Protein backbone atom coordinates (compact mmCIF):
# COMPACT_ATOMS: atom_id res chain seq x y z
CA MET A 1 10.24 -67.46 6.21
CA SER A 2 11.83 -64.30 6.63
CA GLY A 3 9.33 -61.03 7.21
CA GLY A 4 11.31 -59.39 4.76
CA ASN A 5 9.36 -57.40 1.61
CA PHE A 6 10.73 -59.48 -1.51
CA ASN A 7 9.30 -56.74 -3.75
CA ASN A 8 11.55 -54.44 -2.53
CA THR A 9 13.76 -53.21 -5.53
CA ASN A 10 16.98 -51.12 -5.98
CA ALA A 11 15.91 -47.06 -6.08
CA SER A 12 18.79 -47.11 -8.43
CA ALA A 13 17.35 -49.42 -10.95
CA ARG A 14 14.17 -47.16 -11.28
CA PRO A 15 13.99 -45.29 -14.38
CA TRP A 16 15.13 -41.65 -14.16
CA PHE A 17 11.99 -40.09 -14.22
CA GLU A 18 10.57 -42.06 -11.29
CA ARG A 19 13.61 -41.44 -9.43
CA LEU A 20 13.02 -37.39 -10.23
CA ASP A 21 9.19 -38.23 -9.32
CA ARG A 22 9.88 -39.63 -5.93
CA ILE A 23 12.28 -36.61 -4.93
CA ASP A 24 11.58 -35.54 -1.39
CA ARG A 25 9.49 -32.45 -1.46
CA ARG A 26 11.47 -30.90 1.11
CA TRP A 27 14.37 -30.31 -1.74
CA ILE A 28 11.30 -28.22 -3.40
CA PHE A 29 10.64 -26.20 -0.36
CA LEU A 30 14.76 -25.37 -0.29
CA LEU A 31 15.03 -24.36 -3.74
CA MET A 32 12.03 -21.94 -3.63
CA PHE A 33 13.57 -20.76 -0.25
CA LEU A 34 16.84 -20.28 -2.21
CA ALA A 35 15.13 -18.71 -5.37
CA VAL A 36 13.90 -15.62 -2.98
CA SER A 37 16.17 -15.49 -0.70
CA GLY A 38 19.08 -15.12 -2.73
CA PRO A 39 18.14 -12.37 -5.10
CA ILE A 40 17.13 -10.11 -2.00
CA LEU A 41 20.62 -10.81 -0.50
CA TRP A 42 22.45 -10.14 -3.63
CA ILE A 43 20.33 -6.77 -4.13
CA GLY A 44 21.03 -5.81 -0.43
CA VAL A 45 24.71 -6.46 -0.92
CA THR A 46 25.27 -4.92 -4.33
CA GLY A 47 22.75 -2.20 -4.49
CA LYS A 48 22.01 -3.26 -8.33
CA THR A 49 18.72 -4.18 -9.35
CA LEU A 50 17.36 -6.24 -12.29
CA PRO A 51 16.93 -4.52 -15.66
CA GLU A 52 13.49 -3.39 -16.56
CA ALA A 53 12.26 -3.36 -19.94
CA PRO A 54 8.99 -0.88 -19.82
CA THR A 55 5.88 -1.77 -21.77
CA LEU A 56 3.96 0.88 -24.06
CA ALA A 57 1.54 1.09 -21.34
CA ALA A 58 3.79 1.94 -18.54
CA ARG A 59 5.70 4.31 -21.26
CA ALA A 60 2.69 6.01 -21.78
CA VAL A 61 2.30 6.77 -17.82
CA PHE A 62 6.06 8.12 -17.90
CA GLN A 63 5.49 10.34 -21.29
CA GLU A 64 2.00 12.03 -20.35
CA ILE A 65 3.67 13.40 -17.13
CA ASP A 66 6.74 14.49 -19.07
CA GLN A 67 5.09 16.45 -21.33
CA LEU A 68 3.27 18.65 -19.24
CA PRO A 69 4.22 22.06 -19.10
CA ALA A 70 5.69 23.25 -15.68
CA HIS A 71 3.21 24.27 -12.89
CA SER A 72 0.22 22.23 -14.49
CA LEU A 73 -2.23 21.07 -12.16
CA VAL A 74 -2.38 17.39 -11.55
CA LEU A 75 -5.33 15.76 -9.77
CA ILE A 76 -4.08 12.33 -7.84
CA SER A 77 -6.50 10.37 -5.78
CA PHE A 78 -5.23 7.61 -3.84
CA ASP A 79 -7.56 4.70 -3.77
CA TYR A 80 -5.88 2.32 -1.68
CA ASP A 81 -5.20 1.52 1.99
CA PRO A 82 -2.17 -0.23 3.71
CA ALA A 83 -3.18 -3.30 2.73
CA SER A 84 -2.24 -2.95 -0.84
CA ALA A 85 0.61 -1.24 -0.26
CA GLY A 86 3.10 -3.90 -1.31
CA GLU A 87 1.98 -3.38 -4.80
CA LEU A 88 0.86 0.06 -5.11
CA GLN A 89 3.22 2.50 -2.82
CA PRO A 90 6.07 2.24 -4.85
CA MET A 91 3.91 3.76 -7.65
CA ALA A 92 2.71 6.36 -5.93
CA THR A 93 5.80 7.24 -4.59
CA SER A 94 7.58 7.45 -8.14
CA LEU A 95 4.20 9.13 -9.49
CA VAL A 96 4.43 11.95 -7.03
CA ARG A 97 8.41 12.23 -7.37
CA GLN A 98 8.02 12.85 -11.24
CA CYS A 99 5.35 15.48 -10.55
CA ALA A 100 7.14 17.18 -8.09
CA ALA A 101 10.44 17.05 -10.19
CA LYS A 102 8.76 18.60 -13.32
CA ASN A 103 7.56 21.30 -10.99
CA LEU A 104 3.58 20.29 -11.54
CA ARG A 105 0.76 21.33 -8.85
CA MET A 106 -0.44 18.58 -7.09
CA VAL A 107 -3.69 18.11 -6.08
CA PHE A 108 -4.12 14.61 -3.52
CA ILE A 109 -7.69 13.36 -3.11
CA ALA A 110 -8.99 10.10 -1.35
CA LEU A 111 -11.96 8.43 -1.85
CA TRP A 112 -10.93 5.58 0.40
CA PRO A 113 -10.88 6.22 3.89
CA LEU A 114 -7.21 5.24 4.87
CA GLY A 115 -6.16 7.00 1.53
CA ASN A 116 -5.34 10.25 3.30
CA GLN A 117 -3.08 8.97 5.20
CA VAL A 118 -1.35 6.88 2.92
CA ALA A 119 -1.32 10.30 0.75
CA GLN A 120 0.03 12.01 3.66
CA GLN A 121 2.68 9.94 4.45
CA THR A 122 3.93 9.85 0.59
CA ILE A 123 4.19 13.93 0.44
CA GLN A 124 6.18 13.45 3.54
CA ASP A 125 8.41 11.09 2.05
CA VAL A 126 8.85 12.76 -1.48
CA ILE A 127 8.10 16.01 -1.17
CA GLY A 128 8.79 16.99 2.18
CA ASP A 129 12.23 15.21 2.58
CA ASP A 130 13.41 15.49 -1.35
CA TYR A 131 11.64 18.77 -2.54
CA PRO A 132 11.57 20.78 0.52
CA ALA A 133 10.88 24.58 -1.86
CA LEU A 134 7.97 23.12 -2.64
CA LYS A 135 4.96 24.97 -0.56
CA GLU A 136 1.79 23.53 0.87
CA GLY A 137 -1.10 25.61 -0.88
CA ASP A 138 1.13 26.85 -3.79
CA ASP A 139 2.31 23.95 -5.05
CA PHE A 140 0.43 21.28 -3.50
CA VAL A 141 -2.39 20.28 -1.44
CA ASN A 142 -3.89 17.62 0.07
CA MET A 143 -7.39 17.61 0.16
CA GLY A 144 -8.03 14.78 1.82
CA TYR A 145 -10.68 12.03 2.31
CA GLN A 146 -14.42 12.32 0.88
CA ALA A 147 -17.09 9.66 1.28
CA GLY A 148 -19.42 8.90 -1.60
CA ASN A 149 -17.82 6.84 -4.25
CA GLU A 150 -19.39 7.77 -7.42
CA ALA A 151 -21.68 10.89 -5.85
CA VAL A 152 -18.08 12.26 -5.15
CA MET A 153 -17.13 11.57 -8.90
CA LYS A 154 -20.07 13.15 -10.36
CA LEU A 155 -20.25 15.94 -8.40
CA LEU A 156 -16.27 17.05 -9.54
CA LEU A 157 -17.61 17.07 -13.04
CA THR A 158 -19.50 20.59 -12.18
CA ASP A 159 -18.01 21.51 -9.30
CA PHE A 160 -14.94 20.59 -7.57
CA ALA A 161 -15.35 23.05 -4.23
CA LYS A 162 -18.64 21.64 -2.99
CA ALA A 163 -17.09 17.94 -3.43
CA PHE A 164 -13.93 18.84 -1.49
CA PRO A 165 -15.04 21.81 0.74
CA LYS A 166 -11.90 21.85 2.78
CA ASP A 167 -8.38 20.87 2.58
CA SER A 168 -7.03 18.17 5.15
CA ARG A 169 -5.93 21.04 7.25
CA GLY A 170 -9.09 22.37 7.49
CA GLU A 171 -8.17 25.65 5.16
CA ALA A 172 -11.46 26.47 2.82
CA THR A 173 -10.69 25.32 -0.90
CA SER A 174 -11.51 28.76 -1.92
CA ASN A 175 -8.68 30.44 0.14
CA ILE A 176 -6.22 27.79 -1.29
CA PRO A 177 -3.90 29.88 -4.11
CA MET A 178 -3.22 26.96 -6.54
CA LEU A 179 -7.36 26.32 -6.73
CA LYS A 180 -8.57 29.50 -7.57
CA ASP A 181 -9.06 28.92 -11.38
CA VAL A 182 -10.25 25.37 -10.67
CA LYS A 183 -14.13 25.35 -11.05
CA MET A 184 -14.51 21.52 -11.91
CA VAL A 185 -12.36 18.29 -12.85
CA SER A 186 -12.19 19.00 -16.07
CA ASP A 187 -9.96 21.90 -15.86
CA PHE A 188 -7.01 19.54 -14.02
CA PRO A 189 -5.28 18.03 -17.80
CA LEU A 190 -3.92 15.13 -15.94
CA LEU A 191 -6.34 12.81 -13.45
CA ILE A 192 -4.13 10.01 -11.96
CA SER A 193 -5.35 7.33 -9.65
CA VAL A 194 -3.79 4.89 -7.75
CA SER A 195 -5.96 2.13 -7.35
CA ALA A 196 -7.08 -0.91 -5.54
CA GLY A 197 -11.07 -1.78 -6.57
CA TYR A 198 -13.75 -0.09 -5.60
CA PRO A 199 -14.47 3.02 -6.08
CA GLY A 200 -11.34 3.38 -8.32
CA SER A 201 -9.96 3.34 -11.71
CA LYS A 202 -12.93 2.19 -13.68
CA GLU A 203 -15.56 4.32 -11.89
CA TRP A 204 -13.35 6.85 -12.85
CA VAL A 205 -13.48 5.95 -16.38
CA GLN A 206 -17.09 5.46 -16.34
CA TYR A 207 -18.19 8.45 -14.31
CA VAL A 208 -15.66 11.14 -15.20
CA ILE A 209 -13.16 10.64 -18.12
CA SER A 210 -16.13 9.26 -20.39
CA ALA A 211 -17.53 12.15 -19.78
CA TYR A 212 -14.64 14.57 -20.48
CA ASN A 213 -12.84 12.18 -22.65
CA GLU A 214 -11.54 15.41 -25.27
CA LYS A 215 -10.57 17.79 -22.28
CA MET A 216 -8.47 15.56 -19.68
CA ASN A 217 -6.44 12.31 -19.90
CA PHE A 218 -6.39 10.06 -17.47
CA VAL A 219 -3.37 7.68 -16.32
CA THR A 220 -3.71 4.58 -13.60
CA GLY A 221 -1.96 2.13 -11.51
CA CYS A 222 -3.63 -1.22 -10.32
CA THR A 223 -3.03 -4.44 -8.62
CA GLY A 224 -2.53 -7.34 -10.45
CA VAL A 225 -6.18 -8.54 -9.72
CA SER A 226 -7.48 -5.38 -11.57
CA ALA A 227 -5.22 -5.06 -14.58
CA PRO A 228 -7.01 -7.53 -16.48
CA GLN A 229 -10.37 -5.46 -16.35
CA LEU A 230 -8.67 -2.13 -16.84
CA TYR A 231 -6.34 -3.35 -20.37
CA PRO A 232 -9.76 -2.63 -22.48
CA TYR A 233 -9.77 0.74 -21.80
CA PHE A 234 -6.14 1.21 -22.92
CA PRO A 235 -5.13 3.28 -24.78
CA GLN A 236 -8.51 5.14 -25.62
CA GLN A 237 -10.39 6.15 -22.32
CA ILE A 238 -7.17 5.19 -20.05
CA ALA A 239 -3.76 7.11 -21.50
CA GLY A 240 -1.44 4.98 -19.76
CA LEU A 241 -1.41 2.01 -17.09
CA LEU A 242 0.65 0.25 -14.71
CA GLY A 243 -0.36 -3.04 -13.69
CA ALA A 244 0.77 -4.36 -10.39
CA ILE A 245 4.64 -4.72 -9.03
CA LYS A 246 5.55 -5.23 -12.75
CA GLY A 247 4.27 -2.30 -14.03
CA ALA A 248 5.55 -0.58 -10.83
CA ALA A 249 9.09 -1.58 -11.33
CA GLU A 250 9.31 -0.56 -15.19
CA TYR A 251 7.81 2.94 -14.59
CA GLU A 252 10.00 3.40 -11.50
CA SER A 253 13.03 2.51 -13.40
CA MET A 254 12.10 5.09 -16.26
CA VAL A 255 11.76 8.06 -13.35
CA ASN A 256 14.93 6.97 -11.68
CA GLU A 257 16.81 6.82 -15.17
CA SER A 258 15.35 10.32 -15.87
CA LEU A 259 16.50 11.83 -12.71
CA ALA A 260 19.68 10.27 -11.84
CA VAL A 261 22.95 12.23 -10.95
CA ASP A 262 25.97 10.73 -11.70
CA GLY A 263 27.69 9.33 -8.73
CA VAL A 264 24.88 9.57 -6.82
CA ALA A 265 23.28 6.58 -5.70
CA THR A 266 19.29 6.52 -5.84
CA ALA A 267 17.68 6.64 -2.48
CA PRO A 268 16.19 3.21 -1.42
CA LYS A 269 12.66 4.36 -1.31
CA TYR A 270 12.88 5.03 -5.29
CA LEU A 271 13.75 1.46 -5.70
CA GLN A 272 11.10 -0.99 -3.74
CA ALA A 273 9.62 -1.87 -7.21
CA GLN A 274 12.45 -3.26 -8.86
CA ARG A 275 13.63 -4.83 -5.06
CA ARG A 276 10.70 -6.64 -5.53
CA MET A 277 10.65 -7.76 -8.81
CA GLY A 278 14.15 -9.96 -8.08
CA PRO A 279 12.51 -12.55 -5.78
CA GLN A 280 9.78 -12.53 -7.76
CA LEU A 281 11.16 -13.24 -11.45
CA VAL A 282 13.62 -15.91 -9.62
CA ALA A 283 10.61 -17.56 -7.71
CA HIS A 284 8.15 -17.31 -11.35
CA LEU A 285 11.13 -19.04 -13.37
CA LEU A 286 11.71 -21.55 -10.45
CA MET A 287 7.96 -22.73 -11.26
CA VAL A 288 8.23 -22.65 -14.72
CA GLY A 289 10.89 -25.25 -14.73
CA LEU A 290 8.95 -27.79 -12.27
CA ILE A 291 6.08 -27.70 -14.16
CA ILE A 292 8.14 -28.14 -17.42
CA VAL A 293 9.78 -31.17 -14.95
CA GLY A 294 6.30 -32.25 -13.66
CA ASN A 295 4.92 -32.29 -17.66
CA VAL A 296 7.86 -34.21 -18.77
CA ILE A 297 7.91 -37.06 -16.01
CA PHE A 298 3.95 -37.39 -16.30
CA PHE A 299 4.60 -38.06 -20.42
CA ALA A 300 7.32 -39.87 -19.89
CA ARG A 301 5.30 -42.46 -17.73
CA LYS A 302 2.43 -42.44 -19.95
CA ARG A 303 4.91 -43.52 -22.74
CA ARG A 304 6.49 -46.24 -20.31
CA GLY A 305 2.94 -47.63 -19.56
CA ALA A 306 2.06 -47.89 -23.31
CA ALA A 307 5.15 -49.47 -24.02
């Protein structure tokens, strides 16, 4: 007797869902590769990005900054480090760009050890390169990093100069012209936090905004894992909220549209979030499609087994 397998059936005779269920997984890997690389190549060649429809929370961030009169003081806290820059740096770049374009006076602080370096790099990329007329000490100042987490926030409630006695250059706070009338955090009509976790957005709400909810507004950008615990604070304690790279892309598109100049292409550094949303969108659509196909196969097999 031959040693062949008599139970072997012709693959073409199998039901369609069984053939689909047995597909080599490498085809799925290839589809995911194309879903990610295709949009990257298309955006890189054409320079175009996918359109964004801003949510209410993202639109509120833009409006809170846009409604401030020129020369208003804005406190911007960099509560993240380079590990979260992929999600948060596009937010920070666009936030600083909108504030600079509105001629607002920006005070940068950091409650994370590496937040000072991130803030300084953002200042150079946006203000140094595109708004050189703004003068340090008069139009913006980087107060650097201060250790203490919530203790720093509590001290800001009563004495800004004690919380940040000097700026990143070593200049005493009392000698900085733009801070001569700043006594406490409530002297800032708007507080902005770009936050990756603790200390960050939630602590600003708990220790600062809850005490001065009537005197100052608060907007924040955060990572995707932090967003769910912050949405309950919107729009009462948090006036505007950017969640993850999607929120960054929505806000980025609004800032770019408001500052667009006919015939002048937007610089790539102001398109980072929108560029990253393309591959993410197509990859997510592919994943949803695969989940649907998997469920169709499951129920088809179940129905065939019942029959």
